[in-house]
Amino acid sequence: MFGSHLELAERYVVHLATSGIERGLLGPREVPRLWERHVLNCAVLGELIPADLHVADIGSGAGLPGVALAIARPDLRIELIEPLERRVRWLGEVIEDLGLTQVSVHRDRAENVAETIDVDVVTSRAVSALTTLVPWSMPLLHGSGRMLAIKGRSATEEIVKAEKAIRRAGGANPRVLTAGEGLLPVPTTVVSVDAVPGRAPSTRAGR
């Protein structure tokens, strides 16, 4: 999955298992399952993203999925959006140590940066329910691209509950996808929502 960048992925896992735990970004019980449950679970999201795109990862936290995706897919330009200072500081340290020059970090909320960030794909994991997540994500796409949210077993029910919110936010064609088939014991469940041209909820900003 990581190819020649496996060493970077291993160093990232060390960061998660040490300073990530010490600073409260993950619980200590997660250490034995960092690879399967967290890093690999997020890295397979790259299967759903075409080459050389611009990605925003909202609520990045411990860099999941943003940092894992950046290691697996160095062709992507990734903006990590995280409001909490201690997490932003940790992300900056990790990015610098791993030499991920295509990744930048923004200390802010997704709803505050739509006028300055315009991307092709918006990713997220364990941030919020779709009814809230869609209105945060769609403005960053400015009517072109799609949102990919890593979800659990209730993904289909979440889509049903969020139908009105999706339409109001300028989204369409919500569906459940999977990534990591044949690679992970349990494939990653992803909710995909397309941005609809002409229905963007905010003014288009320059890329």
Protein backbone atom coordinates (compact mmCIF):
# COMPACT_ATOMS: atom_id res chain seq x y z
CA MET A 1 0.00 0.00 0.00
CA PHE A 2 2.82 2.42 0.83
CA GLY A 3 5.41 1.04 -1.60
CA SER A 4 8.74 2.82 -1.30
CA HIS A 5 7.23 5.07 1.40
CA LEU A 6 6.74 2.28 3.93
CA GLU A 7 9.51 3.67 6.14
CA LEU A 8 7.65 6.99 6.39
CA ALA A 9 4.48 5.15 7.37
CA GLU A 10 6.40 3.28 10.07
CA ARG A 11 7.81 6.55 11.42
CA TYR A 12 4.32 8.03 11.45
CA VAL A 13 3.05 5.08 13.48
CA VAL A 14 5.90 5.66 15.97
CA HIS A 15 4.74 9.28 16.33
CA LEU A 16 1.18 8.11 16.95
CA ALA A 17 2.27 5.50 19.51
CA THR A 18 4.49 7.91 21.46
CA SER A 19 3.84 11.65 21.35
CA GLY A 20 0.38 11.10 19.89
CA ILE A 21 -0.64 9.15 22.98
CA GLU A 22 1.25 11.44 25.38
CA ARG A 23 -0.56 14.52 24.03
CA GLY A 24 -3.97 12.89 24.03
CA LEU A 25 -4.56 12.65 20.29
CA LEU A 26 -5.27 8.92 20.65
CA GLY A 27 -6.05 6.70 23.61
CA PRO A 28 -3.41 4.22 24.83
CA ARG A 29 -5.71 1.30 24.02
CA GLU A 30 -5.35 2.13 20.33
CA VAL A 31 -1.62 1.32 20.21
CA PRO A 32 -1.98 -2.41 19.37
CA ARG A 33 -4.28 -1.61 16.45
CA LEU A 34 -2.73 1.56 15.04
CA TRP A 35 -1.90 -0.06 11.70
CA GLU A 36 -5.11 -1.92 10.93
CA ARG A 37 -7.74 0.29 12.58
CA HIS A 38 -6.22 3.68 11.87
CA VAL A 39 -3.34 4.05 9.39
CA LEU A 40 -4.23 1.38 6.82
CA ASN A 41 -7.94 2.06 7.27
CA CYS A 42 -7.27 5.65 6.16
CA ALA A 43 -4.55 5.09 3.56
CA VAL A 44 -6.85 2.96 1.38
CA LEU A 45 -8.96 6.06 0.81
CA GLY A 46 -6.42 6.82 -1.91
CA GLU A 47 -8.09 4.17 -4.08
CA LEU A 48 -11.01 6.57 -4.53
CA ILE A 49 -8.97 9.67 -5.45
CA PRO A 50 -7.56 10.25 -8.95
CA ALA A 51 -3.98 11.40 -9.44
CA ASP A 52 -2.57 14.87 -8.77
CA LEU A 53 -5.56 16.39 -7.02
CA HIS A 54 -5.87 19.01 -4.28
CA VAL A 55 -7.37 17.61 -1.06
CA ALA A 56 -8.65 19.18 2.16
CA ASP A 57 -8.85 16.98 5.26
CA ILE A 58 -11.15 18.51 7.86
CA GLY A 59 -10.90 17.79 11.58
CA SER A 60 -7.52 16.17 10.96
CA GLY A 61 -6.74 15.46 14.63
CA ALA A 62 -3.92 12.91 14.62
CA GLY A 63 -3.58 13.17 10.84
CA LEU A 64 -6.19 10.57 10.04
CA PRO A 65 -6.84 10.30 7.19
CA GLY A 66 -4.79 13.29 5.93
CA VAL A 67 -1.24 12.29 6.89
CA ALA A 68 -1.75 8.59 6.12
CA LEU A 69 -3.12 9.57 2.72
CA ALA A 70 -0.21 11.93 2.06
CA ILE A 71 2.31 9.14 2.71
CA ALA A 72 0.50 6.64 0.50
CA ARG A 73 -0.23 9.21 -2.24
CA PRO A 74 2.62 11.75 -2.51
CA ASP A 75 1.08 13.08 -5.74
CA LEU A 76 -1.73 14.70 -3.77
CA ARG A 77 -1.52 18.22 -2.35
CA ILE A 78 -3.19 18.09 1.05
CA GLU A 79 -4.49 20.81 3.38
CA LEU A 80 -5.05 19.67 6.98
CA ILE A 81 -7.75 21.72 8.71
CA GLU A 82 -7.81 21.41 12.50
CA PRO A 83 -9.09 23.97 15.05
CA LEU A 84 -7.25 22.81 18.20
CA GLU A 85 -3.82 24.35 18.75
CA ARG A 86 -2.18 21.36 20.44
CA ARG A 87 -3.18 19.11 17.56
CA VAL A 88 -2.00 21.63 14.98
CA ARG A 89 1.36 21.89 16.73
CA TRP A 90 1.74 18.10 16.77
CA LEU A 91 0.74 17.80 13.11
CA GLY A 92 3.32 20.41 12.16
CA GLU A 93 6.05 18.52 13.99
CA VAL A 94 5.11 15.23 12.33
CA ILE A 95 4.90 16.73 8.84
CA GLU A 96 8.31 18.35 9.25
CA ASP A 97 9.90 15.14 10.54
CA LEU A 98 8.46 13.07 7.69
CA GLY A 99 9.37 15.66 5.06
CA LEU A 100 5.82 15.88 3.69
CA THR A 101 6.35 19.07 1.71
CA GLN A 102 3.03 18.69 -0.13
CA VAL A 103 1.09 18.97 3.15
CA SER A 104 0.12 22.16 4.98
CA VAL A 105 -1.77 22.71 8.23
CA HIS A 106 -4.42 25.33 8.98
CA ARG A 107 -5.56 26.09 12.50
CA ASP A 108 -9.21 26.87 11.85
CA ARG A 109 -12.65 25.41 11.37
CA ALA A 110 -13.68 24.18 7.95
CA GLU A 111 -16.57 26.64 7.76
CA ASN A 112 -14.16 29.56 8.18
CA VAL A 113 -11.75 28.77 5.33
CA ALA A 114 -14.06 28.23 2.35
CA GLU A 115 -13.20 31.61 0.85
CA THR A 116 -9.48 30.85 0.80
CA ILE A 117 -9.35 27.10 0.15
CA ASP A 118 -10.71 25.53 -3.05
CA VAL A 119 -10.03 21.81 -3.49
CA ASP A 120 -11.04 18.81 -5.58
CA VAL A 121 -11.73 16.41 -2.70
CA VAL A 122 -12.68 16.88 0.96
CA THR A 123 -11.90 14.00 3.33
CA SER A 124 -12.82 13.38 6.96
CA ARG A 125 -12.96 10.65 9.57
CA ALA A 126 -14.88 10.53 12.85
CA VAL A 127 -15.63 14.26 12.74
CA SER A 128 -19.42 14.55 12.90
CA ALA A 129 -22.71 13.19 11.57
CA LEU A 130 -23.35 13.83 7.87
CA THR A 131 -26.05 16.40 8.64
CA THR A 132 -23.29 18.61 10.06
CA LEU A 133 -20.35 17.33 8.04
CA VAL A 134 -21.83 18.00 4.59
CA PRO A 135 -22.41 21.74 5.17
CA TRP A 136 -18.82 22.01 6.43
CA SER A 137 -17.35 20.10 3.48
CA MET A 138 -19.26 21.27 0.39
CA PRO A 139 -18.18 24.95 0.47
CA LEU A 140 -14.53 23.87 0.14
CA LEU A 141 -15.36 22.25 -3.22
CA HIS A 142 -16.98 25.36 -4.74
CA GLY A 143 -19.31 23.31 -6.93
CA SER A 144 -16.74 20.87 -8.35
CA GLY A 145 -15.38 17.65 -6.83
CA ARG A 146 -16.56 15.37 -4.08
CA MET A 147 -16.57 14.73 -0.40
CA LEU A 148 -15.26 11.39 0.97
CA ALA A 149 -16.12 10.71 4.61
CA ILE A 150 -14.90 7.56 6.34
CA LYS A 151 -17.89 6.13 8.22
CA GLY A 152 -19.03 3.00 10.01
CA ARG A 153 -21.91 0.56 9.69
CA SER A 154 -24.55 3.27 10.00
CA ALA A 155 -23.41 5.04 6.81
CA THR A 156 -26.61 4.26 4.88
CA GLU A 157 -28.83 5.50 7.71
CA GLU A 158 -26.76 8.68 7.95
CA ILE A 159 -27.30 9.36 4.25
CA VAL A 160 -31.06 9.04 4.65
CA LYS A 161 -31.08 11.44 7.60
CA ALA A 162 -28.88 13.93 5.75
CA GLU A 163 -30.79 14.06 2.44
CA LYS A 164 -32.10 17.61 2.99
CA ALA A 165 -28.78 18.85 4.32
CA ILE A 166 -27.00 17.43 1.26
CA ARG A 167 -29.35 19.20 -1.17
CA ARG A 168 -29.14 22.51 0.72
CA ALA A 169 -25.32 22.35 0.74
CA GLY A 170 -25.10 21.84 -3.03
CA GLY A 171 -24.43 18.12 -2.93
CA ALA A 172 -25.84 15.20 -4.92
CA ASN A 173 -25.52 11.48 -5.57
CA PRO A 174 -24.73 10.39 -1.99
CA ARG A 175 -23.61 6.78 -1.87
CA VAL A 176 -21.69 4.25 0.21
CA LEU A 177 -18.38 3.01 -1.21
CA THR A 178 -15.71 0.68 0.14
CA ALA A 179 -11.93 0.85 -0.07
CA GLY A 180 -9.31 -1.76 0.76
CA GLU A 181 -11.15 -4.81 -0.54
CA GLY A 182 -8.71 -7.72 -0.39
CA LEU A 183 -6.19 -5.64 1.55
CA LEU A 184 -7.92 -5.20 4.91
CA PRO A 185 -9.84 -7.76 7.00
CA VAL A 186 -12.68 -5.23 7.11
CA PRO A 187 -12.75 -2.81 4.15
CA THR A 188 -13.13 0.89 4.89
CA THR A 189 -16.66 2.27 4.51
CA VAL A 190 -16.82 5.66 2.82
CA VAL A 191 -19.70 8.03 2.12
CA SER A 192 -19.21 9.90 -1.15
CA VAL A 193 -21.16 13.06 -2.06
CA ASP A 194 -20.66 14.95 -5.32
CA ALA A 195 -20.61 18.73 -5.52
CA VAL A 196 -23.05 20.06 -8.10
CA PRO A 197 -21.86 22.85 -10.46
CA GLY A 198 -24.00 25.94 -10.09
CA ARG A 199 -25.25 24.95 -6.65
CA ALA A 200 -22.16 25.82 -4.60
CA PRO A 201 -23.13 27.42 -1.26
CA SER A 202 -20.30 29.99 -1.37
CA THR A 203 -18.45 32.21 -3.84
CA ARG A 204 -15.75 30.44 -5.81
CA ALA A 205 -12.22 31.21 -4.62
CA GLY A 206 -8.99 30.79 -6.55
CA ARG A 207 -7.10 27.52 -6.24
